[in-house]
């Protein structure tokens, strides 16, 4: 299949009529998306507790998150092919079901089981992320940028709630592994709601297939942008809370700092893609998101606890960078390619490489922490 920049005719072409109402698809997508960060956002506030319980190093603790993120990359690459036998909508439900199953497996509080369950969670998230992009392109093409921002916001809300309640849940439920496993419940409930919706799409509906766009310059640019944004996201998601615990913050206060990081991403995820789509100024809004992330990261490294105001401003700037960057990358792919198959293939390539590279960030930061005994070198990696 030949790839090219989509012209005005391609962007405005009327897609085949969807058998589902847009409102129904939107509600289902938002419910499913809420589960695509929760299992991984619950780990960082409990990382030091789990590390002490399991008797592992910081590098090994970082590898838990790294293994999940790298499996997200594998899932992203395979998603378009896996969607073929079931159809994109049914395959999306199955992928989120895999996320729920991986969360249940986290009940076993041993290191090999934690790695295996994290990989299962990551694979399901990677597949679901690409399929959601294709479902949005097929059913909600007229508002792809706005809807993509909404689905990312739903992920962020799930991650925020998880960050806030992870430590209290561990206390109430009797251990960190129970706190990680409880997030299977909303995942399986979301699948139960989505499945009757997905069944309304005929299995015979052929959405087409497309190979990964290896020779398309635009796809590689989008991939590089998604990779660097993802490195920022997963590096801070894993180590922001432990970093401030290292500086003397109580675990619950550090978890609240991470929750602010998640909350502050929401307006950026909503506004930046919508404004970029309306004005067709993708480069301007992307550059602004990068500069915000750079300023926040540099501030947290050089002056982690400013007098009076504390680190909250740095955290907000970091959040704007990663909160806007991810949906901007997905939105410009959806806008650029003419159909769900090509948009899904390009999204799979961008997220696949992005997650594989981003998966190295938590691991490398943990290894550098072990080697240097402090956070300056690991945080410099994010710059």
Protein backbone atom coordinates (compact mmCIF):
# COMPACT_ATOMS: atom_id res chain seq x y z
CA UNK A 1 0.00 0.00 0.00
CA UNK A 2 1.40 3.38 -0.97
CA UNK A 3 1.72 6.08 1.66
CA UNK A 4 1.67 9.78 0.96
CA UNK A 5 0.70 13.00 2.62
CA UNK A 6 -3.06 13.17 2.66
CA UNK A 7 -4.37 16.06 0.55
CA UNK A 8 -7.39 18.18 1.28
CA UNK A 9 -9.59 15.73 -0.60
CA UNK A 10 -8.35 12.86 1.56
CA UNK A 11 -8.90 14.73 4.80
CA UNK A 12 -12.43 15.73 3.93
CA UNK A 13 -13.50 12.48 2.28
CA UNK A 14 -16.64 11.00 3.80
CA UNK A 15 -15.81 7.70 5.53
CA UNK A 16 -18.04 4.67 5.21
CA UNK A 17 -21.03 5.09 7.49
CA UNK A 18 -20.48 3.50 10.88
CA UNK A 19 -23.08 1.04 12.18
CA UNK A 20 -22.68 2.61 15.65
CA UNK A 21 -23.79 6.01 16.89
CA UNK A 22 -20.85 8.35 17.53
CA UNK A 23 -22.02 9.00 21.10
CA UNK A 24 -22.07 5.28 21.89
CA UNK A 25 -18.56 4.80 20.51
CA UNK A 26 -17.28 7.83 22.40
CA UNK A 27 -18.62 6.61 25.75
CA UNK A 28 -17.17 3.15 25.19
CA UNK A 29 -13.78 4.50 24.13
CA UNK A 30 -13.58 6.75 27.19
CA UNK A 31 -14.43 3.87 29.55
CA UNK A 32 -11.83 1.60 27.97
CA UNK A 33 -9.19 4.33 27.85
CA UNK A 34 -9.55 4.98 31.59
CA UNK A 35 -7.86 1.59 32.13
CA UNK A 36 -4.84 2.15 29.88
CA UNK A 37 -2.67 3.83 32.52
CA UNK A 38 -4.15 2.77 35.88
CA UNK A 39 -2.25 -0.53 36.31
CA UNK A 40 1.08 1.21 35.66
CA UNK A 41 0.34 4.44 37.53
CA UNK A 42 -0.36 2.46 40.71
CA UNK A 43 3.17 1.06 40.84
CA UNK A 44 5.41 4.14 41.36
CA UNK A 45 3.88 5.24 44.73
CA UNK A 46 4.42 1.66 45.93
CA UNK A 47 7.79 1.15 44.25
CA UNK A 48 9.92 1.65 47.37
CA UNK A 49 7.56 -0.52 49.44
CA UNK A 50 7.63 -3.30 46.84
CA UNK A 51 11.41 -2.98 46.47
CA UNK A 52 11.93 -3.40 50.22
CA UNK A 53 9.49 -6.33 50.42
CA UNK A 54 11.06 -8.16 47.46
CA UNK A 55 14.64 -7.25 48.36
CA UNK A 56 15.51 -5.95 44.89
CA UNK A 57 17.68 -3.10 43.62
CA UNK A 58 16.48 0.18 42.12
CA UNK A 59 17.45 -1.13 38.69
CA UNK A 60 15.29 -4.22 39.18
CA UNK A 61 12.44 -2.09 40.46
CA UNK A 62 12.74 0.10 37.36
CA UNK A 63 12.80 -2.99 35.16
CA UNK A 64 9.28 -3.86 36.35
CA UNK A 65 7.93 -0.71 34.70
CA UNK A 66 10.36 -0.96 31.80
CA UNK A 67 9.19 -4.48 30.93
CA UNK A 68 5.59 -3.29 30.81
CA UNK A 69 6.38 -0.31 28.59
CA UNK A 70 8.49 -2.37 26.18
CA UNK A 71 5.69 -4.90 25.89
CA UNK A 72 3.43 -1.97 25.05
CA UNK A 73 5.73 -1.44 22.08
CA UNK A 74 5.41 -5.09 21.03
CA UNK A 75 1.64 -4.89 21.35
CA UNK A 76 1.54 -1.70 19.29
CA UNK A 77 3.42 -3.35 16.42
CA UNK A 78 1.19 -6.42 16.43
CA UNK A 79 -2.16 -4.69 17.00
CA UNK A 80 -3.24 -4.23 13.34
CA UNK A 81 -2.57 -7.91 12.58
CA UNK A 82 -4.28 -9.13 15.76
CA UNK A 83 -7.36 -7.10 14.91
CA UNK A 84 -7.95 -9.00 11.66
CA UNK A 85 -9.67 -12.20 12.88
CA UNK A 86 -11.96 -10.50 15.42
CA UNK A 87 -12.44 -7.04 13.98
CA UNK A 88 -11.04 -3.88 15.53
CA UNK A 89 -13.88 -3.29 17.99
CA UNK A 90 -13.90 -6.84 19.40
CA UNK A 91 -10.11 -6.99 19.48
CA UNK A 92 -10.11 -3.75 21.48
CA UNK A 93 -12.34 -5.34 24.11
CA UNK A 94 -10.11 -8.43 24.28
CA UNK A 95 -7.00 -6.25 24.69
CA UNK A 96 -8.45 -4.41 27.69
CA UNK A 97 -9.51 -7.80 29.08
CA UNK A 98 -5.84 -8.83 28.91
CA UNK A 99 -5.00 -5.71 30.94
CA UNK A 100 -7.48 -6.87 33.58
CA UNK A 101 -6.03 -10.39 33.61
CA UNK A 102 -2.52 -9.04 34.06
CA UNK A 103 -3.70 -6.92 36.97
CA UNK A 104 -5.21 -9.97 38.67
CA UNK A 105 -1.88 -11.79 38.29
CA UNK A 106 -0.20 -9.05 40.32
CA UNK A 107 -1.75 -10.57 43.43
CA UNK A 108 1.28 -12.89 43.60
CA UNK A 109 3.92 -10.90 45.57
CA UNK A 110 7.10 -12.41 44.07
CA UNK A 111 9.46 -10.72 41.64
CA UNK A 112 9.11 -13.10 38.64
CA UNK A 113 5.30 -12.91 38.88
CA UNK A 114 5.45 -9.13 39.09
CA UNK A 115 7.53 -9.00 35.91
CA UNK A 116 5.30 -11.47 34.04
CA UNK A 117 2.08 -9.74 35.06
CA UNK A 118 3.50 -6.32 34.17
CA UNK A 119 4.45 -7.61 30.72
CA UNK A 120 0.92 -8.95 30.24
CA UNK A 121 -0.57 -5.60 31.29
CA UNK A 122 1.80 -3.75 28.97
CA UNK A 123 1.00 -5.95 25.98
CA UNK A 124 -2.73 -5.41 26.43
CA UNK A 125 -2.28 -1.65 26.76
CA UNK A 126 -0.11 -1.50 23.64
CA UNK A 127 -2.64 -3.37 21.52
CA UNK A 128 -5.57 -1.35 22.88
CA UNK A 129 -3.86 2.00 22.29
CA UNK A 130 -3.41 1.38 18.57
CA UNK A 131 -6.89 -0.10 18.14
CA UNK A 132 -8.50 2.87 19.86
CA UNK A 133 -6.75 5.17 17.38
CA UNK A 134 -8.17 3.13 14.48
CA UNK A 135 -11.66 2.99 16.02
CA UNK A 136 -11.65 6.77 16.46
CA UNK A 137 -10.55 7.26 12.85
CA UNK A 138 -13.29 4.96 11.58
CA UNK A 139 -16.24 6.03 13.73
CA UNK A 140 -15.34 9.60 14.78
CA UNK A 141 -13.15 10.89 11.96
CA UNK A 142 -14.70 14.39 11.88
CA UNK A 143 -13.47 15.14 15.41
CA UNK A 144 -10.38 12.95 15.58
CA UNK A 145 -8.20 15.55 17.33
CA UNK A 146 -10.76 16.49 19.97
CA UNK A 147 -11.80 12.88 20.62
CA UNK A 148 -8.17 11.76 20.86
CA UNK A 149 -7.60 14.49 23.44
CA UNK A 150 -10.66 13.25 25.33
CA UNK A 151 -9.47 9.65 25.34
CA UNK A 152 -6.04 10.70 26.60
CA UNK A 153 -7.75 12.76 29.33
CA UNK A 154 -9.70 9.66 30.33
CA UNK A 155 -6.40 7.78 30.68
CA UNK A 156 -5.02 10.61 32.78
CA UNK A 157 -8.02 10.68 35.10
CA UNK A 158 -7.59 6.96 35.69
CA UNK A 159 -3.89 7.45 36.36
CA UNK A 160 -4.57 10.35 38.73
CA UNK A 161 -7.08 8.42 40.82
CA UNK A 162 -4.70 5.48 40.99
CA UNK A 163 -1.78 7.66 42.12
CA UNK A 164 -3.84 9.19 44.92
CA UNK A 165 -5.33 5.99 46.31
CA UNK A 166 -2.50 3.48 45.72
CA UNK A 167 -0.89 3.89 49.14
CA UNK A 168 -4.17 4.04 51.15
CA UNK A 169 -5.45 0.99 49.26
CA UNK A 170 -2.30 -0.94 50.16
CA UNK A 171 -2.98 -0.13 53.82
CA UNK A 172 -6.66 -1.02 53.69
CA UNK A 173 -6.31 -4.17 51.59
CA UNK A 174 -3.29 -5.49 53.45
CA UNK A 175 -0.39 -5.16 51.02
CA UNK A 176 1.06 -3.52 47.92
CA UNK A 177 0.20 -6.47 45.67
CA UNK A 178 -3.50 -6.17 46.53
CA UNK A 179 -3.39 -2.48 45.70
CA UNK A 180 -1.95 -3.30 42.26
CA UNK A 181 -4.42 -6.12 41.58
CA UNK A 182 -7.57 -4.15 42.40
CA UNK A 183 -7.38 -2.30 39.06
CA UNK A 184 -8.56 -5.44 37.30
CA UNK A 185 -12.09 -4.56 38.41
CA UNK A 186 -12.63 -1.35 36.36
CA UNK A 187 -10.91 -2.94 33.34
CA UNK A 188 -13.24 -5.92 33.30
CA UNK A 189 -16.28 -3.71 33.91
CA UNK A 190 -15.31 -1.52 30.94
CA UNK A 191 -15.03 -4.62 28.73
CA UNK A 192 -18.47 -5.76 29.90
CA UNK A 193 -19.94 -2.41 28.82
CA UNK A 194 -18.04 -2.27 25.50
CA UNK A 195 -18.65 -5.82 24.32
CA UNK A 196 -22.34 -5.42 23.35
CA UNK A 197 -21.31 -2.28 21.43
CA UNK A 198 -18.50 -4.09 19.59
CA UNK A 199 -20.80 -6.96 18.62
CA UNK A 200 -22.95 -4.57 16.62
CA UNK A 201 -20.16 -4.14 14.07
CA UNK A 202 -20.39 -6.99 11.52
CA UNK A 203 -17.36 -9.26 11.49
CA UNK A 204 -17.46 -9.12 7.72
CA UNK A 205 -16.83 -5.36 7.71
CA UNK A 206 -13.42 -5.11 6.07
CA UNK A 207 -11.48 -2.09 7.26
CA UNK A 208 -8.54 -2.98 5.13
CA UNK A 209 -4.98 -3.57 6.22
CA UNK A 210 -1.78 -1.68 5.75
CA UNK A 211 1.87 -2.47 6.24
CA UNK A 212 3.90 -0.30 8.56
CA UNK A 213 4.97 2.84 6.65
CA UNK A 214 8.71 2.24 6.81
CA UNK A 215 9.50 4.49 3.82
CA UNK A 216 7.34 7.45 4.80
CA UNK A 217 9.28 10.43 6.15
CA UNK A 218 6.25 11.78 8.00
CA UNK A 219 5.75 8.48 9.82
CA UNK A 220 9.36 8.54 11.02
CA UNK A 221 9.04 12.15 12.20
CA UNK A 222 5.89 11.24 14.13
CA UNK A 223 7.67 8.19 15.54
CA UNK A 224 10.61 10.27 16.82
CA UNK A 225 8.25 12.78 18.41
CA UNK A 226 6.19 10.04 20.08
CA UNK A 227 9.37 8.31 21.29
CA UNK A 228 10.82 11.37 23.00
CA UNK A 229 7.45 12.30 24.51
CA UNK A 230 7.03 8.76 25.80
CA UNK A 231 10.51 8.75 27.36
CA UNK A 232 9.51 11.85 29.33
CA UNK A 233 6.19 10.35 30.38
CA UNK A 234 7.41 6.97 31.55
CA UNK A 235 10.58 8.31 33.12
CA UNK A 236 8.65 10.73 35.31
CA UNK A 237 5.74 8.36 35.95
CA UNK A 238 8.13 5.80 37.41
CA UNK A 239 10.58 8.01 39.29
CA UNK A 240 8.85 11.29 40.21
CA UNK A 241 7.37 9.93 43.44
CA UNK A 242 10.54 7.98 44.47
CA UNK A 243 12.64 11.08 43.66
CA UNK A 244 10.83 13.24 46.16
CA UNK A 245 10.70 10.42 48.69
CA UNK A 246 14.49 10.39 48.35
CA UNK A 247 14.45 14.11 49.19
CA UNK A 248 12.57 13.38 52.41
CA UNK A 249 8.92 13.63 51.41
CA UNK A 250 6.51 11.12 53.02
CA UNK A 251 5.24 8.54 50.54
CA UNK A 252 1.67 9.87 50.57
CA UNK A 253 2.83 13.45 49.92
CA UNK A 254 5.04 12.28 47.07
CA UNK A 255 2.06 10.37 45.68
CA UNK A 256 0.02 13.60 45.75
CA UNK A 257 2.79 15.29 43.77
CA UNK A 258 2.49 12.56 41.17
CA UNK A 259 -1.28 13.00 41.21
CA UNK A 260 -0.84 16.70 40.42
CA UNK A 261 1.42 15.70 37.54
CA UNK A 262 -1.41 13.55 36.20
CA UNK A 263 -4.16 16.15 36.78
CA UNK A 264 -2.19 18.97 35.15
CA UNK A 265 -1.91 16.94 31.95
CA UNK A 266 -5.68 17.03 31.44
CA UNK A 267 -6.18 20.63 30.20
CA UNK A 268 -3.06 20.35 28.02
CA UNK A 269 -4.34 17.12 26.46
CA UNK A 270 -7.70 18.73 25.71
CA UNK A 271 -6.61 22.14 24.52
CA UNK A 272 -3.39 21.60 22.56
CA UNK A 273 -4.71 19.04 20.02
CA UNK A 274 -8.01 20.92 19.59
CA UNK A 275 -6.25 24.24 18.95
CA UNK A 276 -3.67 22.64 16.67
CA UNK A 277 -6.41 20.90 14.68
CA UNK A 278 -8.52 24.05 14.38
CA UNK A 279 -5.66 26.31 13.27
CA UNK A 280 -3.51 23.68 11.54
CA UNK A 281 -0.51 24.83 13.58
CA UNK A 282 0.85 21.45 14.64
CA UNK A 283 4.49 22.57 14.81
CA UNK A 284 3.78 25.59 17.05
CA UNK A 285 1.80 23.67 19.67
CA UNK A 286 4.23 20.74 19.58
CA UNK A 287 7.19 23.07 20.14
CA UNK A 288 5.39 24.74 23.04
CA UNK A 289 4.75 21.36 24.68
CA UNK A 290 8.43 20.42 24.31
CA UNK A 291 9.63 23.71 25.84
CA UNK A 292 7.31 23.29 28.83
CA UNK A 293 8.58 19.78 29.46
CA UNK A 294 12.17 20.95 29.15
CA UNK A 295 11.67 23.80 31.63
CA UNK A 296 9.94 21.55 34.18
CA UNK A 297 12.58 18.84 33.96
CA UNK A 298 15.47 21.30 34.24
CA UNK A 299 13.82 23.01 37.20
CA UNK A 300 13.23 19.76 39.08
CA UNK A 301 16.87 18.80 38.49
CA UNK A 302 18.54 22.12 39.37
CA UNK A 303 16.18 23.48 42.04
CA UNK A 304 13.91 20.61 43.13
CA UNK A 305 12.33 22.45 46.08
CA UNK A 306 12.09 26.20 45.44
CA UNK A 307 11.45 28.29 48.57
CA UNK A 308 7.80 29.07 49.38
CA UNK A 309 6.24 27.59 46.23
CA UNK A 310 7.91 24.17 46.33
CA UNK A 311 8.15 21.86 43.31
CA UNK A 312 4.53 22.23 42.20
CA UNK A 313 5.30 24.61 39.34
CA UNK A 314 7.96 22.31 37.91
CA UNK A 315 5.53 19.41 38.06
CA UNK A 316 2.87 21.39 36.18
CA UNK A 317 5.34 22.30 33.41
CA UNK A 318 6.44 18.67 33.07
CA UNK A 319 2.79 17.67 32.91
CA UNK A 320 2.01 20.15 30.12
CA UNK A 321 4.88 18.73 28.09
CA UNK A 322 3.85 15.08 28.30
CA UNK A 323 0.12 15.77 28.54
CA UNK A 324 0.02 17.67 25.26
CA UNK A 325 2.73 15.72 23.44
CA UNK A 326 1.10 12.28 23.32
CA UNK A 327 -2.34 13.35 21.96
CA UNK A 328 -0.69 15.81 19.56
CA UNK A 329 1.31 12.95 18.05
CA UNK A 330 -1.75 10.71 17.71
CA UNK A 331 -3.95 13.52 16.40
CA UNK A 332 -1.59 14.60 13.65
CA UNK A 333 -1.31 10.98 12.49
CA UNK A 334 -5.10 10.63 12.38
CA UNK A 335 -5.37 13.94 10.51
CA UNK A 336 -2.58 13.16 8.05
CA UNK A 337 -3.57 9.67 6.85
CA UNK A 338 -6.74 9.12 4.79
CA UNK A 339 -8.27 5.99 6.37
CA UNK A 340 -8.38 3.85 9.50
CA UNK A 341 -6.02 1.19 8.13
CA UNK A 342 -3.20 3.59 7.22
CA UNK A 343 -3.72 5.68 10.38
CA UNK A 344 -3.67 2.51 12.48
CA UNK A 345 -0.47 1.28 10.82
CA UNK A 346 1.26 4.63 11.32
CA UNK A 347 0.05 4.79 14.94
CA UNK A 348 1.33 1.26 15.50
CA UNK A 349 4.75 2.20 14.15
CA UNK A 350 4.95 5.44 16.16
CA UNK A 351 3.74 3.92 19.42
CA UNK A 352 5.66 0.68 18.90
CA UNK A 353 9.06 2.33 18.55
CA UNK A 354 8.05 5.00 21.04
CA UNK A 355 7.24 2.50 23.76
CA UNK A 356 10.27 0.32 23.06
CA UNK A 357 12.57 3.32 23.50
CA UNK A 358 10.55 4.73 26.39
CA UNK A 359 10.68 1.37 28.13
CA UNK A 360 14.42 1.81 28.48
CA UNK A 361 13.97 5.04 30.45
CA UNK A 362 12.72 3.57 33.78
CA UNK A 363 15.34 0.82 33.55
CA UNK A 364 18.28 3.08 32.68
CA UNK A 365 17.27 5.59 35.35
CA UNK A 366 17.14 2.82 37.95
CA UNK A 367 20.52 1.45 36.89
CA UNK A 368 22.07 4.93 36.96
CA UNK A 369 20.58 5.46 40.40
CA UNK A 370 22.25 2.27 41.62
CA UNK A 371 25.57 3.25 40.03
CA UNK A 372 25.69 6.88 41.17
CA UNK A 373 23.70 6.73 44.40
CA UNK A 374 21.69 9.86 43.49
CA UNK A 375 19.20 11.32 41.07
CA UNK A 376 21.12 14.04 39.14
CA UNK A 377 22.47 11.66 36.48
CA UNK A 378 19.17 9.75 35.99
CA UNK A 379 17.23 13.01 35.65
CA UNK A 380 19.77 14.38 33.20
CA UNK A 381 18.79 11.48 30.94
CA UNK A 382 15.34 13.06 30.60
CA UNK A 383 16.81 16.32 29.37
